[in-house]
Amino acid sequence: MKLLIVEDDSRVMGALRAVLVQHGLEVACARTGEQALELVADGPDAVLLDLGLPDQDGFKVCTQIRKMSNVPIIVVTARTDWRSRVHGLNLGADDCIVKPYNVAELVARIHAVTRRAGTATWPGGVAPTSTAGAGPHVFGPVSLNTESRVVMVDGQRIHLTVKEFDLLALLARRPGVVFRREQIMSGVWGTAWEGAGRTLEVHVASLRQKLAVPGLIETVRGVGYRLTHPVVPTEVA
């Protein structure tokens, strides 16, 4: 598995790279946002993006990477303000970790985002698992394939971020059943942190806008969300 580390502190980068290599990762390093954008083109399986870069704002780099690729992004920040973390997630990051962090936790988070993205195989041949049952599924004009992670609306492919897809796939597991907010946060983001609720609302709003199927994702006030159309498995042509 290939990981791109974007970090301007050479000591931090060197120490982190050494640890991650011991965990069996292939690591590429960038010290600036410009270098990061160049290396993203090489197709890493995940990006560890520090926000404190010398040449440009880390949030801007996150936005640019997301325009180029669906690669999972873990934002690293020393900022304890929850608004900064939410802002990074809203820009397309898949996770956020605050310095100082435990390396074991970081490795677990890398496992989680690549597993959800379905793009990487870890050392030992451990393949990532899907976030939903076998697909594809059809609900109204929307077709969801959880193996290829492709979503179509009226025959047109729709670009979703990793988290948007995971959210839709989670709801598609049990159409018509209400998923509590804490269930969704745990299943998609791996956290029960109450302050992340706004992140969920933003992702739901973005998903609704991209799918453009009124009433498909229903808000159950005070509880959570559900899919209102039945999901019917179909044969793959």
Protein backbone atom coordinates (compact mmCIF):
# COMPACT_ATOMS: atom_id res chain seq x y z
CA MET A 1 0.00 0.00 0.00
CA LYS A 2 1.26 3.45 -0.95
CA LEU A 3 0.89 6.40 1.42
CA LEU A 4 1.71 10.01 0.62
CA ILE A 5 2.82 12.07 3.63
CA VAL A 6 2.58 15.85 3.22
CA GLU A 7 4.59 17.42 6.05
CA ASP A 8 7.01 20.36 6.04
CA ASP A 9 8.88 19.40 9.23
CA SER A 10 11.69 17.10 8.10
CA ARG A 11 12.20 15.59 11.57
CA VAL A 12 8.54 14.71 11.96
CA MET A 13 8.42 13.37 8.42
CA GLY A 14 11.53 11.23 8.86
CA ALA A 15 10.35 9.69 12.12
CA LEU A 16 6.84 9.07 10.82
CA ARG A 17 8.07 7.55 7.59
CA ALA A 18 10.33 5.14 9.48
CA VAL A 19 7.48 3.93 11.68
CA LEU A 20 5.04 3.50 8.80
CA VAL A 21 7.59 1.61 6.72
CA GLN A 22 7.94 -0.79 9.66
CA HIS A 23 4.19 -1.36 9.37
CA GLY A 24 4.71 -2.45 5.76
CA LEU A 25 3.68 0.73 3.95
CA GLU A 26 5.35 2.20 0.91
CA VAL A 27 5.77 5.88 1.77
CA ALA A 28 6.27 8.92 -0.47
CA CYS A 29 6.92 12.34 1.05
CA ALA A 30 6.13 15.93 0.06
CA ARG A 31 7.14 19.05 1.98
CA THR A 32 4.97 21.55 0.09
CA GLY A 33 1.50 21.70 -1.37
CA GLU A 34 2.96 21.91 -4.87
CA GLN A 35 4.96 18.72 -4.37
CA ALA A 36 1.90 17.01 -2.90
CA LEU A 37 -0.21 17.76 -5.99
CA GLU A 38 2.53 16.38 -8.22
CA LEU A 39 2.80 13.14 -6.23
CA VAL A 40 -0.97 12.62 -6.04
CA ALA A 41 -0.80 12.01 -9.78
CA ASP A 42 1.27 8.88 -9.02
CA GLY A 43 -1.82 7.28 -7.47
CA PRO A 44 -1.23 6.82 -3.73
CA ASP A 45 -3.75 4.76 -1.77
CA ALA A 46 -4.09 7.46 0.90
CA VAL A 47 -2.79 10.93 1.73
CA LEU A 48 -1.74 12.14 5.18
CA LEU A 49 -2.02 15.92 4.82
CA ASP A 50 -0.63 18.34 7.39
CA LEU A 51 -2.42 21.69 7.23
CA GLY A 52 0.63 23.79 8.19
CA LEU A 53 2.42 23.96 4.84
CA PRO A 54 4.95 26.66 3.89
CA ASP A 55 3.77 27.47 0.36
CA GLN A 56 -0.03 27.40 0.58
CA ASP A 57 -2.91 26.78 2.93
CA GLY A 58 -3.48 23.11 3.69
CA PHE A 59 -7.23 23.50 3.22
CA LYS A 60 -6.60 24.73 -0.32
CA VAL A 61 -4.37 21.72 -1.00
CA CYS A 62 -7.11 19.42 0.31
CA THR A 63 -9.60 21.00 -2.09
CA GLN A 64 -7.21 20.68 -5.03
CA ILE A 65 -6.45 17.03 -4.28
CA ARG A 66 -10.15 16.25 -4.07
CA LYS A 67 -10.71 17.82 -7.50
CA MET A 68 -7.99 15.57 -8.91
CA SER A 69 -8.70 12.30 -7.17
CA ASN A 70 -10.95 10.27 -4.86
CA VAL A 71 -7.91 9.20 -2.84
CA PRO A 72 -8.70 9.03 0.92
CA ILE A 73 -7.32 12.08 2.75
CA ILE A 74 -6.50 12.22 6.45
CA VAL A 75 -5.98 15.81 7.55
CA VAL A 76 -3.41 16.38 10.31
CA THR A 77 -3.71 19.53 12.38
CA ALA A 78 -2.37 21.06 15.58
CA ARG A 79 -5.52 23.15 15.82
CA THR A 80 -7.80 22.00 18.62
CA ASP A 81 -10.73 24.10 17.39
CA TRP A 82 -13.44 21.68 16.20
CA ARG A 83 -14.43 24.14 13.47
CA SER A 84 -11.11 23.55 11.70
CA ARG A 85 -11.66 19.80 11.72
CA VAL A 86 -15.20 20.14 10.40
CA HIS A 87 -13.99 22.56 7.72
CA GLY A 88 -11.44 20.02 6.51
CA LEU A 89 -14.08 17.28 6.37
CA ASN A 90 -16.44 19.57 4.47
CA LEU A 91 -13.71 20.22 1.89
CA GLY A 92 -13.48 16.52 1.12
CA ALA A 93 -11.14 15.05 3.74
CA ASP A 94 -12.15 11.59 4.92
CA ASP A 95 -10.77 11.86 8.44
CA CYS A 96 -8.96 14.26 10.73
CA ILE A 97 -6.39 13.62 13.45
CA VAL A 98 -5.03 16.18 15.91
CA LYS A 99 -1.36 16.51 16.90
CA PRO A 100 0.08 15.03 19.01
CA TYR A 101 -1.37 11.67 18.06
CA ASN A 102 -0.65 8.04 18.80
CA VAL A 103 0.95 6.22 15.86
CA ALA A 104 -1.15 3.11 16.49
CA GLU A 105 -4.28 5.26 16.18
CA LEU A 106 -2.95 6.80 12.97
CA VAL A 107 -2.28 3.38 11.45
CA ALA A 108 -5.79 2.28 12.43
CA ARG A 109 -7.26 5.35 10.77
CA ILE A 110 -5.26 4.67 7.58
CA HIS A 111 -6.63 1.12 7.63
CA ALA A 112 -10.16 2.48 8.04
CA VAL A 113 -10.14 5.04 5.22
CA THR A 114 -8.49 2.70 2.70
CA ARG A 115 -10.84 -0.12 3.66
CA ARG A 116 -13.84 2.12 3.08
CA ALA A 117 -12.41 3.38 -0.20
CA GLY A 118 -11.80 -0.19 -1.36
CA THR A 119 -8.59 0.79 -3.15
CA ALA A 120 -5.72 -0.79 -1.22
CA THR A 121 -4.47 -4.15 -0.05
CA TRP A 122 -2.43 -4.18 3.13
CA PRO A 123 0.62 -6.35 3.86
CA GLY A 124 -0.23 -10.01 4.32
CA GLY A 125 -2.84 -9.92 1.55
CA VAL A 126 -5.60 -8.52 3.73
CA ALA A 127 -8.08 -7.03 1.30
CA PRO A 128 -10.35 -4.14 2.26
CA THR A 129 -13.98 -4.94 2.99
CA SER A 130 -17.07 -3.26 1.62
CA THR A 131 -19.23 -0.95 3.72
CA ALA A 132 -22.47 -2.54 2.55
CA GLY A 133 -23.97 -5.80 1.42
CA ALA A 134 -23.37 -7.24 -2.03
CA GLY A 135 -24.52 -5.09 -4.92
CA PRO A 136 -25.52 -3.69 -7.22
CA HIS A 137 -28.79 -2.29 -5.86
CA VAL A 138 -31.43 -0.18 -7.55
CA PHE A 139 -33.74 2.27 -5.84
CA GLY A 140 -35.75 4.44 -8.18
CA PRO A 141 -33.44 6.01 -10.75
CA VAL A 142 -30.40 5.36 -8.55
CA SER A 143 -28.13 2.34 -9.01
CA LEU A 144 -25.55 1.56 -6.31
CA ASN A 145 -22.76 -0.99 -6.84
CA THR A 146 -20.92 -1.57 -3.57
CA GLU A 147 -18.20 -3.70 -5.18
CA SER A 148 -17.10 -1.19 -7.82
CA ARG A 149 -18.23 1.77 -5.66
CA VAL A 150 -20.10 3.27 -8.59
CA VAL A 151 -23.35 5.23 -8.31
CA MET A 152 -25.51 5.94 -11.34
CA VAL A 153 -28.56 8.19 -11.59
CA ASP A 154 -30.70 7.75 -14.70
CA GLY A 155 -27.76 5.99 -16.32
CA GLN A 156 -25.28 8.77 -15.59
CA ARG A 157 -22.37 8.17 -13.25
CA ILE A 158 -22.36 10.47 -10.22
CA HIS A 159 -19.13 11.48 -8.51
CA LEU A 160 -19.31 10.98 -4.75
CA THR A 161 -16.62 11.46 -2.15
CA VAL A 162 -15.57 8.42 -0.13
CA LYS A 163 -17.70 9.49 2.83
CA GLU A 164 -20.72 10.30 0.68
CA PHE A 165 -20.58 6.84 -0.86
CA ASP A 166 -20.12 5.17 2.53
CA LEU A 167 -23.10 7.09 3.89
CA LEU A 168 -25.32 6.03 0.99
CA ALA A 169 -24.09 2.42 1.19
CA LEU A 170 -24.81 2.30 4.91
CA LEU A 171 -28.39 3.50 4.46
CA ALA A 172 -28.81 1.05 1.57
CA ARG A 173 -28.09 -1.88 3.87
CA ARG A 174 -31.59 -1.63 5.34
CA PRO A 175 -33.85 0.58 3.20
CA GLY A 176 -36.84 1.94 5.10
CA VAL A 177 -35.09 1.42 8.44
CA VAL A 178 -34.08 4.52 10.39
CA PHE A 179 -30.37 4.75 11.20
CA ARG A 180 -29.66 6.79 14.31
CA ARG A 181 -27.20 9.62 13.95
CA GLU A 182 -24.74 7.94 16.32
CA GLN A 183 -25.00 4.72 14.30
CA ILE A 184 -24.11 6.59 11.13
CA MET A 185 -21.24 8.48 12.73
CA SER A 186 -19.83 5.24 14.10
CA GLY A 187 -20.31 3.29 10.88
CA VAL A 188 -19.01 5.91 8.45
CA TRP A 189 -16.64 8.08 10.48
CA GLY A 190 -15.67 5.63 13.21
CA THR A 191 -16.52 8.08 15.95
CA ALA A 192 -19.32 8.82 18.37
CA TRP A 193 -18.12 12.42 18.90
CA GLU A 194 -21.23 14.60 19.27
CA GLY A 195 -19.48 17.60 17.73
CA ALA A 196 -19.31 15.75 14.40
CA GLY A 197 -23.08 16.01 13.94
CA ARG A 198 -22.74 19.05 11.70
CA THR A 199 -20.41 17.05 9.45
CA LEU A 200 -23.12 14.44 8.98
CA GLU A 201 -25.68 17.10 8.08
CA VAL A 202 -23.35 18.61 5.49
CA HIS A 203 -22.67 15.22 3.89
CA VAL A 204 -26.37 14.37 3.76
CA ALA A 205 -27.11 17.72 2.12
CA SER A 206 -24.33 17.23 -0.42
CA LEU A 207 -25.48 13.67 -1.18
CA ARG A 208 -29.05 14.81 -1.72
CA GLN A 209 -27.90 17.55 -4.05
CA LYS A 210 -25.74 15.21 -6.16
CA LEU A 211 -28.35 12.45 -6.41
CA ALA A 212 -31.16 14.93 -7.08
CA VAL A 213 -33.87 12.39 -6.17
CA PRO A 214 -36.39 14.22 -3.93
CA GLY A 215 -37.42 12.30 -0.85
CA LEU A 216 -34.88 9.51 -1.32
CA ILE A 217 -33.01 10.25 1.92
CA GLU A 218 -35.53 11.09 4.60
CA THR A 219 -34.73 12.97 7.80
CA VAL A 220 -36.42 11.47 10.85
CA ARG A 221 -36.41 14.43 13.20
CA GLY A 222 -34.55 13.85 16.43
CA VAL A 223 -33.45 10.36 15.37
CA GLY A 224 -31.53 10.08 12.11
CA TYR A 225 -31.99 9.20 8.43
CA ARG A 226 -33.34 6.44 6.18
CA LEU A 227 -33.76 5.54 2.52
CA THR A 228 -37.41 5.72 1.56
CA HIS A 229 -37.29 3.71 -1.68
CA PRO A 230 -36.91 -0.09 -1.55
CA VAL A 231 -33.54 -1.43 -2.69
CA VAL A 232 -33.82 -4.34 -5.14
CA PRO A 233 -30.65 -6.37 -5.96
CA THR A 234 -30.22 -6.81 -9.71
CA GLU A 235 -28.17 -9.13 -11.87
CA VAL A 236 -24.87 -7.80 -13.18
CA ALA A 237 -24.90 -7.73 -16.97
